[in-house]
Amino acid sequence: MGQARNRGPRDARVAEAMVRAGGSTPPKLNCNACQAELTDVAALETQQLKGISQAYGAHCAACGQDTWAVRGEPAAVRAFYAALEQAAGQKVQLGTAKPAAPA
C-alpha cells in the first residue's frame, strides 16, 4: 500500500491512464515545424492498424503543416511514419507529445 502516492497525484494518474487507454484526446500538440500550440487535435481510428494503440493528428494554421502523434509498438510506429513519408514524398519530422497536466 502507499505506492500510488509515489506515482503522483490521483488526478494526474487518472489523466495519464485515460490517454494510455485511448479514452481521451490530448488537449494539445505542438507543431513539429513552428512549435505553435495546436488545440484542434483529432483522434484517428487505430483499430485496423496492428501495433498502433493511439494516433492523433492536427493541422497548423500558422505554417500549414500537419503534425501527427502516434503511440504503439516501435516497429508499427516506424511503419506508420514510413507510410506518411511515402504519401508526402518527403521526410517526415518526428516529435513528441505528452499528456497535459490536469487543470
PDB file of N, CA and C in Angstrom:
ATOM      1  N   MET A   1       0.834  -1.184   0.000  1.00  0.00           N
ATOM      2  CA  MET A   1       0.000   0.000   0.000  1.00  0.00           C
ATOM      3  C   MET A   1       0.880   1.250   0.000  1.00  0.00           C
ATOM      4  N   GLY A   2       0.314   2.359  -0.477  1.00  0.00           N
ATOM      5  CA  GLY A   2       1.032   3.611  -0.482  1.00  0.00           C
ATOM      6  C   GLY A   2       1.869   3.859  -1.732  1.00  0.00           C
ATOM      7  N   GLN A   3       1.946   2.889  -2.629  1.00  0.00           N
ATOM      8  CA  GLN A   3       2.761   3.069  -3.828  1.00  0.00           C
ATOM      9  C   GLN A   3       2.130   4.053  -4.802  1.00  0.00           C
ATOM     10  N   ALA A   4       0.814   4.139  -4.830  1.00  0.00           N
ATOM     11  CA  ALA A   4       0.148   5.076  -5.744  1.00  0.00           C
ATOM     12  C   ALA A   4       0.575   6.506  -5.445  1.00  0.00           C
ATOM     13  N   ARG A   5       0.747   6.823  -4.185  1.00  0.00           N
ATOM     14  CA  ARG A   5       1.152   8.172  -3.802  1.00  0.00           C
ATOM     15  C   ARG A   5       2.510   8.518  -4.415  1.00  0.00           C
ATOM     16  N   ASN A   6       3.365   7.534  -4.551  1.00  0.00           N
ATOM     17  CA  ASN A   6       4.682   7.767  -5.138  1.00  0.00           C
ATOM     18  C   ASN A   6       4.610   8.029  -6.639  1.00  0.00           C
ATOM     19  N   ARG A   7       3.498   7.675  -7.283  1.00  0.00           N
ATOM     20  CA  ARG A   7       3.356   7.867  -8.729  1.00  0.00           C
ATOM     21  C   ARG A   7       2.702   9.200  -9.063  1.00  0.00           C
ATOM     22  N   GLY A   8       2.428  10.027  -8.069  1.00  0.00           N
ATOM     23  CA  GLY A   8       1.887  11.350  -8.318  1.00  0.00           C
ATOM     24  C   GLY A   8       0.461  11.493  -7.831  1.00  0.00           C
ATOM     25  N   PRO A   9      -0.086  12.694  -7.972  1.00  0.00           N
ATOM     26  CA  PRO A   9      -1.459  12.948  -7.529  1.00  0.00           C
ATOM     27  C   PRO A   9      -2.464  12.101  -8.308  1.00  0.00           C
ATOM     28  N   ARG A  10      -3.573  11.794  -7.684  1.00  0.00           N
ATOM     29  CA  ARG A  10      -4.592  10.939  -8.291  1.00  0.00           C
ATOM     30  C   ARG A  10      -5.072  11.494  -9.624  1.00  0.00           C
ATOM     31  N   ASP A  11      -5.327  12.794  -9.695  1.00  0.00           N
ATOM     32  CA  ASP A  11      -5.816  13.402 -10.946  1.00  0.00           C
ATOM     33  C   ASP A  11      -4.826  13.187 -12.093  1.00  0.00           C
ATOM     34  N   ALA A  12      -3.540  13.334 -11.812  1.00  0.00           N
ATOM     35  CA  ALA A  12      -2.526  13.131 -12.848  1.00  0.00           C
ATOM     36  C   ALA A  12      -2.476  11.674 -13.278  1.00  0.00           C
ATOM     37  N   ARG A  13      -2.598  10.746 -12.324  1.00  0.00           N
ATOM     38  CA  ARG A  13      -2.581   9.320 -12.659  1.00  0.00           C
ATOM     39  C   ARG A  13      -3.797   8.944 -13.502  1.00  0.00           C
ATOM     40  N   VAL A  14      -4.961   9.496 -13.171  1.00  0.00           N
ATOM     41  CA  VAL A  14      -6.183   9.214 -13.930  1.00  0.00           C
ATOM     42  C   VAL A  14      -6.060   9.758 -15.347  1.00  0.00           C
ATOM     43  N   ALA A  15      -5.568  10.990 -15.502  1.00  0.00           N
ATOM     44  CA  ALA A  15      -5.419  11.586 -16.835  1.00  0.00           C
ATOM     45  C   ALA A  15      -4.444  10.775 -17.682  1.00  0.00           C
ATOM     46  N   GLU A  16      -3.334  10.360 -17.096  1.00  0.00           N
ATOM     47  CA  GLU A  16      -2.348   9.561 -17.831  1.00  0.00           C
ATOM     48  C   GLU A  16      -2.945   8.215 -18.236  1.00  0.00           C
ATOM     49  N   ALA A  17      -3.689   7.586 -17.340  1.00  0.00           N
ATOM     50  CA  ALA A  17      -4.304   6.286 -17.658  1.00  0.00           C
ATOM     51  C   ALA A  17      -5.324   6.427 -18.778  1.00  0.00           C
ATOM     52  N   MET A  18      -6.084   7.521 -18.791  1.00  0.00           N
ATOM     53  CA  MET A  18      -7.073   7.725 -19.849  1.00  0.00           C
ATOM     54  C   MET A  18      -6.396   7.897 -21.202  1.00  0.00           C
ATOM     55  N   VAL A  19      -5.310   8.653 -21.248  1.00  0.00           N
ATOM     56  CA  VAL A  19      -4.597   8.840 -22.509  1.00  0.00           C
ATOM     57  C   VAL A  19      -3.992   7.525 -22.961  1.00  0.00           C
ATOM     58  N   ARG A  20      -3.385   6.771 -22.026  1.00  0.00           N
ATOM     59  CA  ARG A  20      -2.791   5.475 -22.379  1.00  0.00           C
ATOM     60  C   ARG A  20      -3.848   4.515 -22.897  1.00  0.00           C
ATOM     61  N   ALA A  21      -5.047   4.577 -22.335  1.00  0.00           N
ATOM     62  CA  ALA A  21      -6.117   3.672 -22.734  1.00  0.00           C
ATOM     63  C   ALA A  21      -6.836   4.150 -23.985  1.00  0.00           C
ATOM     64  N   GLY A  22      -6.515   5.317 -24.466  1.00  0.00           N
ATOM     65  CA  GLY A  22      -7.154   5.830 -25.677  1.00  0.00           C
ATOM     66  C   GLY A  22      -8.497   6.468 -25.399  1.00  0.00           C
ATOM     67  N   GLY A  23      -8.819   6.714 -24.141  1.00  0.00           N
ATOM     68  CA  GLY A  23     -10.106   7.277 -23.778  1.00  0.00           C
ATOM     69  C   GLY A  23     -10.149   8.782 -23.829  1.00  0.00           C
ATOM     70  N   SER A  24      -9.060   9.401 -24.211  1.00  0.00           N
ATOM     71  CA  SER A  24      -9.014  10.853 -24.203  1.00  0.00           C
ATOM     72  C   SER A  24      -8.076  11.342 -25.301  1.00  0.00           C
ATOM     73  N   THR A  25      -8.446  12.419 -25.942  1.00  0.00           N
ATOM     74  CA  THR A  25      -7.578  13.052 -26.920  1.00  0.00           C
ATOM     75  C   THR A  25      -6.657  13.998 -26.168  1.00  0.00           C
ATOM     76  N   PRO A  26      -5.375  14.035 -26.504  1.00  0.00           N
ATOM     77  CA  PRO A  26      -4.519  15.004 -25.820  1.00  0.00           C
ATOM     78  C   PRO A  26      -5.045  16.404 -26.090  1.00  0.00           C
ATOM     79  N   PRO A  27      -5.049  17.256 -25.112  1.00  0.00           N
ATOM     80  CA  PRO A  27      -5.623  18.589 -25.291  1.00  0.00           C
ATOM     81  C   PRO A  27      -4.849  19.455 -26.259  1.00  0.00           C
ATOM     82  N   LYS A  28      -3.571  19.155 -26.497  1.00  0.00           N
ATOM     83  CA  LYS A  28      -2.799  19.960 -27.450  1.00  0.00           C
ATOM     84  C   LYS A  28      -1.617  19.158 -27.952  1.00  0.00           C
ATOM     85  N   LEU A  29      -1.162  19.539 -29.112  1.00  0.00           N
ATOM     86  CA  LEU A  29       0.115  19.088 -29.656  1.00  0.00           C
ATOM     87  C   LEU A  29       0.871  20.350 -30.018  1.00  0.00           C
ATOM     88  N   ASN A  30       2.168  20.254 -30.128  1.00  0.00           N
ATOM     89  CA  ASN A  30       2.959  21.360 -30.656  1.00  0.00           C
ATOM     90  C   ASN A  30       3.321  21.019 -32.091  1.00  0.00           C
ATOM     91  N   CYS A  31       3.184  22.006 -32.976  1.00  0.00           N
ATOM     92  CA  CYS A  31       3.528  21.815 -34.372  1.00  0.00           C
ATOM     93  C   CYS A  31       4.994  21.426 -34.485  1.00  0.00           C
ATOM     94  N   ASN A  32       5.277  20.387 -35.255  1.00  0.00           N
ATOM     95  CA  ASN A  32       6.666  19.960 -35.437  1.00  0.00           C
ATOM     96  C   ASN A  32       7.479  20.971 -36.226  1.00  0.00           C
ATOM     97  N   ALA A  33       6.826  21.805 -37.035  1.00  0.00           N
ATOM     98  CA  ALA A  33       7.550  22.763 -37.870  1.00  0.00           C
ATOM     99  C   ALA A  33       7.809  24.081 -37.146  1.00  0.00           C
ATOM    100  N   CYS A  34       6.754  24.682 -36.571  1.00  0.00           N
ATOM    101  CA  CYS A  34       6.912  26.019 -35.981  1.00  0.00           C
ATOM    102  C   CYS A  34       6.688  26.061 -34.473  1.00  0.00           C
ATOM    103  N   GLN A  35       6.370  24.922 -33.871  1.00  0.00           N
ATOM    104  CA  GLN A  35       6.155  24.790 -32.427  1.00  0.00           C
ATOM    105  C   GLN A  35       4.918  25.526 -31.912  1.00  0.00           C
ATOM    106  N   ALA A  36       4.009  25.934 -32.799  1.00  0.00           N
ATOM    107  CA  ALA A  36       2.761  26.557 -32.356  1.00  0.00           C
ATOM    108  C   ALA A  36       1.926  25.522 -31.614  1.00  0.00           C
ATOM    109  N   GLU A  37       1.160  25.979 -30.641  1.00  0.00           N
ATOM    110  CA  GLU A  37       0.288  25.079 -29.890  1.00  0.00           C
ATOM    111  C   GLU A  37      -0.938  24.758 -30.735  1.00  0.00           C
ATOM    112  N   LEU A  38      -1.177  23.467 -30.961  1.00  0.00           N
ATOM    113  CA  LEU A  38      -2.317  23.020 -31.756  1.00  0.00           C
ATOM    114  C   LEU A  38      -3.377  22.464 -30.813  1.00  0.00           C
ATOM    115  N   THR A  39      -4.538  23.084 -30.801  1.00  0.00           N
ATOM    116  CA  THR A  39      -5.578  22.656 -29.877  1.00  0.00           C
ATOM    117  C   THR A  39      -6.681  21.858 -30.562  1.00  0.00           C
ATOM    118  N   ASP A  40      -6.767  21.918 -31.874  1.00  0.00           N
ATOM    119  CA  ASP A  40      -7.790  21.172 -32.611  1.00  0.00           C
ATOM    120  C   ASP A  40      -7.199  19.828 -33.033  1.00  0.00           C
ATOM    121  N   VAL A  41      -7.119  18.908 -32.091  1.00  0.00           N
ATOM    122  CA  VAL A  41      -6.480  17.609 -32.293  1.00  0.00           C
ATOM    123  C   VAL A  41      -7.561  16.565 -32.552  1.00  0.00           C
ATOM    124  N   ALA A  42      -7.384  15.788 -33.614  1.00  0.00           N
ATOM    125  CA  ALA A  42      -8.352  14.744 -33.967  1.00  0.00           C
ATOM    126  C   ALA A  42      -7.772  13.371 -33.639  1.00  0.00           C
ATOM    127  N   ALA A  43      -8.560  12.558 -32.944  1.00  0.00           N
ATOM    128  CA  ALA A  43      -8.159  11.172 -32.695  1.00  0.00           C
ATOM    129  C   ALA A  43      -8.407  10.375 -33.970  1.00  0.00           C
ATOM    130  N   LEU A  44      -7.462   9.538 -34.338  1.00  0.00           N
ATOM    131  CA  LEU A  44      -7.585   8.719 -35.535  1.00  0.00           C
ATOM    132  C   LEU A  44      -7.965   7.298 -35.151  1.00  0.00           C
ATOM    133  N   GLU A  45      -8.744   6.657 -35.984  1.00  0.00           N
ATOM    134  CA  GLU A  45      -9.146   5.269 -35.748  1.00  0.00           C
ATOM    135  C   GLU A  45      -7.930   4.370 -35.909  1.00  0.00           C
ATOM    136  N   THR A  46      -7.623   3.578 -34.897  1.00  0.00           N
ATOM    137  CA  THR A  46      -6.438   2.720 -34.933  1.00  0.00           C
ATOM    138  C   THR A  46      -6.772   1.240 -34.873  1.00  0.00           C
ATOM    139  N   GLN A  47      -8.037   0.905 -34.864  1.00  0.00           N
ATOM    140  CA  GLN A  47      -8.439  -0.491 -34.714  1.00  0.00           C
ATOM    141  C   GLN A  47      -7.859  -1.377 -35.815  1.00  0.00           C
ATOM    142  N   GLN A  48      -7.737  -0.864 -37.013  1.00  0.00           N
ATOM    143  CA  GLN A  48      -7.214  -1.643 -38.139  1.00  0.00           C
ATOM    144  C   GLN A  48      -5.697  -1.535 -38.286  1.00  0.00           C
ATOM    145  N   LEU A  49      -5.049  -0.748 -37.434  1.00  0.00           N
ATOM    146  CA  LEU A  49      -3.611  -0.550 -37.515  1.00  0.00           C
ATOM    147  C   LEU A  49      -2.927  -1.425 -36.475  1.00  0.00           C
ATOM    148  N   LYS A  50      -2.454  -2.567 -36.903  1.00  0.00           N
ATOM    149  CA  LYS A  50      -1.833  -3.529 -35.994  1.00  0.00           C
ATOM    150  C   LYS A  50      -0.606  -2.906 -35.319  1.00  0.00           C
ATOM    151  N   GLY A  51      -0.584  -2.964 -33.998  1.00  0.00           N
ATOM    152  CA  GLY A  51       0.543  -2.448 -33.234  1.00  0.00           C
ATOM    153  C   GLY A  51       0.441  -0.986 -32.858  1.00  0.00           C
ATOM    154  N   ILE A  52      -0.563  -0.265 -33.360  1.00  0.00           N
ATOM    155  CA  ILE A  52      -0.766   1.145 -33.025  1.00  0.00           C
ATOM    156  C   ILE A  52      -1.918   1.219 -32.026  1.00  0.00           C
ATOM    157  N   SER A  53      -1.649   1.777 -30.855  1.00  0.00           N
ATOM    158  CA  SER A  53      -2.695   1.874 -29.843  1.00  0.00           C
ATOM    159  C   SER A  53      -3.421   3.213 -29.901  1.00  0.00           C
ATOM    160  N   GLN A  54      -2.714   4.272 -30.267  1.00  0.00           N
ATOM    161  CA  GLN A  54      -3.317   5.596 -30.357  1.00  0.00           C
ATOM    162  C   GLN A  54      -2.655   6.386 -31.472  1.00  0.00           C
ATOM    163  N   ALA A  55      -3.445   7.215 -32.139  1.00  0.00           N
ATOM    164  CA  ALA A  55      -2.898   8.108 -33.157  1.00  0.00           C
ATOM    165  C   ALA A  55      -3.753   9.372 -33.199  1.00  0.00           C
ATOM    166  N   TYR A  56      -3.085  10.499 -33.296  1.00  0.00           N
ATOM    167  CA  TYR A  56      -3.746  11.794 -33.332  1.00  0.00           C
ATOM    168  C   TYR A  56      -3.130  12.636 -34.437  1.00  0.00           C
ATOM    169  N   GLY A  57      -3.909  13.545 -34.969  1.00  0.00           N
ATOM    170  CA  GLY A  57      -3.404  14.442 -35.998  1.00  0.00           C
ATOM    171  C   GLY A  57      -3.967  15.831 -35.811  1.00  0.00           C
ATOM    172  N   ALA A  58      -3.203  16.830 -36.247  1.00  0.00           N
ATOM    173  CA  ALA A  58      -3.648  18.216 -36.183  1.00  0.00           C
ATOM    174  C   ALA A  58      -2.991  18.987 -37.325  1.00  0.00           C
ATOM    175  N   HIS A  59      -3.681  20.005 -37.806  1.00  0.00           N
ATOM    176  CA  HIS A  59      -3.166  20.856 -38.873  1.00  0.00           C
ATOM    177  C   HIS A  59      -2.838  22.220 -38.273  1.00  0.00           C
ATOM    178  N   CYS A  60      -1.668  22.730 -38.581  1.00  0.00           N
ATOM    179  CA  CYS A  60      -1.235  24.028 -38.064  1.00  0.00           C
ATOM    180  C   CYS A  60      -1.662  25.128 -39.035  1.00  0.00           C
ATOM    181  N   ALA A  61      -2.504  26.015 -38.554  1.00  0.00           N
ATOM    182  CA  ALA A  61      -2.952  27.135 -39.387  1.00  0.00           C
ATOM    183  C   ALA A  61      -1.834  28.162 -39.585  1.00  0.00           C
ATOM    184  N   ALA A  62      -0.892  28.214 -38.654  1.00  0.00           N
ATOM    185  CA  ALA A  62       0.178  29.209 -38.725  1.00  0.00           C
ATOM    186  C   ALA A  62       1.156  28.916 -39.868  1.00  0.00           C
ATOM    187  N   CYS A  63       1.531  27.636 -40.056  1.00  0.00           N
ATOM    188  CA  CYS A  63       2.532  27.324 -41.087  1.00  0.00           C
ATOM    189  C   CYS A  63       2.025  26.338 -42.140  1.00  0.00           C
ATOM    190  N   GLY A  64       0.810  25.796 -41.947  1.00  0.00           N
ATOM    191  CA  GLY A  64       0.228  24.913 -42.943  1.00  0.00           C
ATOM    192  C   GLY A  64       0.697  23.464 -42.889  1.00  0.00           C
ATOM    193  N   GLN A  65       1.429  23.090 -41.853  1.00  0.00           N
ATOM    194  CA  GLN A  65       1.943  21.729 -41.738  1.00  0.00           C
ATOM    195  C   GLN A  65       1.014  20.847 -40.899  1.00  0.00           C
ATOM    196  N   ASP A  66       1.053  19.551 -41.170  1.00  0.00           N
ATOM    197  CA  ASP A  66       0.322  18.583 -40.356  1.00  0.00           C
ATOM    198  C   ASP A  66       1.267  18.004 -39.321  1.00  0.00           C
ATOM    199  N   THR A  67       0.739  17.735 -38.143  1.00  0.00           N
ATOM    200  CA  THR A  67       1.513  17.112 -37.071  1.00  0.00           C
ATOM    201  C   THR A  67       0.767  15.875 -36.615  1.00  0.00           C
ATOM    202  N   TRP A  68       1.510  14.798 -36.407  1.00  0.00           N
ATOM    203  CA  TRP A  68       0.937  13.518 -36.007  1.00  0.00           C
ATOM    204  C   TRP A  68       1.569  13.076 -34.701  1.00  0.00           C
ATOM    205  N   ALA A  69       0.772  12.443 -33.856  1.00  0.00           N
ATOM    206  CA  ALA A  69       1.274  11.815 -32.631  1.00  0.00           C
ATOM    207  C   ALA A  69       0.779  10.382 -32.649  1.00  0.00           C
ATOM    208  N   VAL A  70       1.707   9.434 -32.517  1.00  0.00           N
ATOM    209  CA  VAL A  70       1.367   8.020 -32.634  1.00  0.00           C
ATOM    210  C   VAL A  70       1.994   7.269 -31.470  1.00  0.00           C
ATOM    211  N   ARG A  71       1.223   6.375 -30.861  1.00  0.00           N
ATOM    212  CA  ARG A  71       1.722   5.545 -29.770  1.00  0.00           C
ATOM    213  C   ARG A  71       1.450   4.092 -30.110  1.00  0.00           C
ATOM    214  N   GLY A  72       2.443   3.244 -29.880  1.00  0.00           N
ATOM    215  CA  GLY A  72       2.277   1.819 -30.123  1.00  0.00           C
ATOM    216  C   GLY A  72       3.615   1.106 -30.110  1.00  0.00           C
ATOM    217  N   GLU A  73       3.626  -0.076 -30.674  1.00  0.00           N
ATOM    218  CA  GLU A  73       4.861  -0.845 -30.759  1.00  0.00           C
ATOM    219  C   GLU A  73       5.844  -0.097 -31.669  1.00  0.00           C
ATOM    220  N   PRO A  74       7.128  -0.076 -31.300  1.00  0.00           N
ATOM    221  CA  PRO A  74       8.102   0.698 -32.076  1.00  0.00           C
ATOM    222  C   PRO A  74       8.110   0.378 -33.576  1.00  0.00           C
ATOM    223  N   ALA A  75       8.033  -0.893 -33.939  1.00  0.00           N
ATOM    224  CA  ALA A  75       8.052  -1.256 -35.366  1.00  0.00           C
ATOM    225  C   ALA A  75       6.808  -0.725 -36.075  1.00  0.00           C
ATOM    226  N   ALA A  76       5.661  -0.772 -35.404  1.00  0.00           N
ATOM    227  CA  ALA A  76       4.424  -0.279 -36.004  1.00  0.00           C
ATOM    228  C   ALA A  76       4.455   1.231 -36.164  1.00  0.00           C
ATOM    229  N   VAL A  77       5.028   1.926 -35.187  1.00  0.00           N
ATOM    230  CA  VAL A  77       5.133   3.388 -35.275  1.00  0.00           C
ATOM    231  C   VAL A  77       6.071   3.771 -36.424  1.00  0.00           C
ATOM    232  N   ARG A  78       7.200   3.063 -36.553  1.00  0.00           N
ATOM    233  CA  ARG A  78       8.119   3.332 -37.668  1.00  0.00           C
ATOM    234  C   ARG A  78       7.419   3.097 -39.010  1.00  0.00           C
ATOM    235  N   ALA A  79       6.620   2.022 -39.107  1.00  0.00           N
ATOM    236  CA  ALA A  79       5.890   1.735 -40.348  1.00  0.00           C
ATOM    237  C   ALA A  79       4.860   2.822 -40.639  1.00  0.00           C
ATOM    238  N   PHE A  80       4.207   3.338 -39.605  1.00  0.00           N
ATOM    239  CA  PHE A  80       3.234   4.420 -39.760  1.00  0.00           C
ATOM    240  C   PHE A  80       3.911   5.645 -40.355  1.00  0.00           C
ATOM    241  N   TYR A  81       5.048   6.028 -39.783  1.00  0.00           N
ATOM    242  CA  TYR A  81       5.763   7.203 -40.286  1.00  0.00           C
ATOM    243  C   TYR A  81       6.348   6.958 -41.674  1.00  0.00           C
ATOM    244  N   ALA A  82       6.761   5.721 -41.966  1.00  0.00           N
ATOM    245  CA  ALA A  82       7.255   5.405 -43.316  1.00  0.00           C
ATOM    246  C   ALA A  82       6.131   5.576 -44.333  1.00  0.00           C
ATOM    247  N   ALA A  83       4.922   5.173 -43.956  1.00  0.00           N
ATOM    248  CA  ALA A  83       3.774   5.341 -44.848  1.00  0.00           C
ATOM    249  C   ALA A  83       3.463   6.826 -45.052  1.00  0.00           C
ATOM    250  N   LEU A  84       3.583   7.628 -43.986  1.00  0.00           N
ATOM    251  CA  LEU A  84       3.382   9.078 -44.116  1.00  0.00           C
ATOM    252  C   LEU A  84       4.414   9.683 -45.060  1.00  0.00           C
ATOM    253  N   GLU A  85       5.682   9.264 -44.917  1.00  0.00           N
ATOM    254  CA  GLU A  85       6.733   9.775 -45.787  1.00  0.00           C
ATOM    255  C   GLU A  85       6.486   9.407 -47.240  1.00  0.00           C
ATOM    256  N   GLN A  86       6.033   8.188 -47.459  1.00  0.00           N
ATOM    257  CA  GLN A  86       5.745   7.755 -48.826  1.00  0.00           C
ATOM    258  C   GLN A  86       4.598   8.570 -49.405  1.00  0.00           C
ATOM    259  N   ALA A  87       3.564   8.806 -48.605  1.00  0.00           N
ATOM    260  CA  ALA A  87       2.414   9.582 -49.086  1.00  0.00           C
ATOM    261  C   ALA A  87       2.792  11.041 -49.342  1.00  0.00           C
ATOM    262  N   ALA A  88       3.652  11.597 -48.483  1.00  0.00           N
ATOM    263  CA  ALA A  88       4.039  13.001 -48.620  1.00  0.00           C
ATOM    264  C   ALA A  88       5.147  13.193 -49.643  1.00  0.00           C
ATOM    265  N   GLY A  89       5.895  12.133 -49.922  1.00  0.00           N
ATOM    266  CA  GLY A  89       7.002  12.247 -50.860  1.00  0.00           C
ATOM    267  C   GLY A  89       8.204  12.979 -50.291  1.00  0.00           C
ATOM    268  N   GLN A  90       8.272  13.083 -48.975  1.00  0.00           N
ATOM    269  CA  GLN A  90       9.399  13.752 -48.334  1.00  0.00           C
ATOM    270  C   GLN A  90       9.571  13.221 -46.918  1.00  0.00           C
ATOM    271  N   LYS A  91      10.688  13.557 -46.297  1.00  0.00           N
ATOM    272  CA  LYS A  91      10.988  13.125 -44.938  1.00  0.00           C
ATOM    273  C   LYS A  91       9.997  13.736 -43.968  1.00  0.00           C
ATOM    274  N   VAL A  92       9.504  12.928 -43.036  1.00  0.00           N
ATOM    275  CA  VAL A  92       8.569  13.393 -42.015  1.00  0.00           C
ATOM    276  C   VAL A  92       9.363  13.693 -40.755  1.00  0.00           C
ATOM    277  N   GLN A  93       9.116  14.862 -40.170  1.00  0.00           N
ATOM    278  CA  GLN A  93       9.805  15.246 -38.946  1.00  0.00           C
ATOM    279  C   GLN A  93       9.086  14.625 -37.763  1.00  0.00           C
ATOM    280  N   LEU A  94       9.829  13.933 -36.911  1.00  0.00           N
ATOM    281  CA  LEU A  94       9.246  13.297 -35.733  1.00  0.00           C
ATOM    282  C   LEU A  94       9.327  14.238 -34.552  1.00  0.00           C
ATOM    283  N   GLY A  95       8.317  14.172 -33.717  1.00  0.00           N
ATOM    284  CA  GLY A  95       8.268  14.975 -32.499  1.00  0.00           C
ATOM    285  C   GLY A  95       7.727  14.124 -31.365  1.00  0.00           C
ATOM    286  N   THR A  96       7.389  14.762 -30.266  1.00  0.00           N
ATOM    287  CA  THR A  96       6.832  14.055 -29.130  1.00  0.00           C
ATOM    288  C   THR A  96       5.609  14.789 -28.621  1.00  0.00           C
ATOM    289  N   ALA A  97       4.746  14.072 -27.966  1.00  0.00           N
ATOM    290  CA  ALA A  97       3.568  14.664 -27.344  1.00  0.00           C
ATOM    291  C   ALA A  97       3.422  14.038 -25.976  1.00  0.00           C
ATOM    292  N   LYS A  98       3.075  14.847 -24.994  1.00  0.00           N
ATOM    293  CA  LYS A  98       2.871  14.365 -23.637  1.00  0.00           C
ATOM    294  C   LYS A  98       1.484  14.777 -23.197  1.00  0.00           C
ATOM    295  N   PRO A  99       0.850  13.976 -22.357  1.00  0.00           N
ATOM    296  CA  PRO A  99      -0.464  14.371 -21.858  1.00  0.00           C
ATOM    297  C   PRO A  99      -0.345  15.674 -21.062  1.00  0.00           C
ATOM    298  N   ALA A 100      -1.340  16.493 -21.158  1.00  0.00           N
ATOM    299  CA  ALA A 100      -1.337  17.754 -20.426  1.00  0.00           C
ATOM    300  C   ALA A 100      -1.547  17.490 -18.942  1.00  0.00           C
ATOM    301  N   ALA A 101      -1.010  18.359 -18.138  1.00  0.00           N
ATOM    302  CA  ALA A 101      -1.223  18.266 -16.695  1.00  0.00           C
ATOM    303  C   ALA A 101      -2.683  18.570 -16.402  1.00  0.00           C
ATOM    304  N   PRO A 102      -3.286  17.871 -15.474  1.00  0.00           N
ATOM    305  CA  PRO A 102      -4.687  18.138 -15.151  1.00  0.00           C
ATOM    306  C   PRO A 102      -4.860  19.564 -14.648  1.00  0.00           C
ATOM    307  N   ALA A 103      -5.995  20.133 -14.954  1.00  0.00           N
ATOM    308  CA  ALA A 103      -6.264  21.523 -14.550  1.00  0.00           C
ATOM    309  C   ALA A 103      -6.670  21.621 -13.105  1.00  0.00           C
TER     310      ALA A 103
END
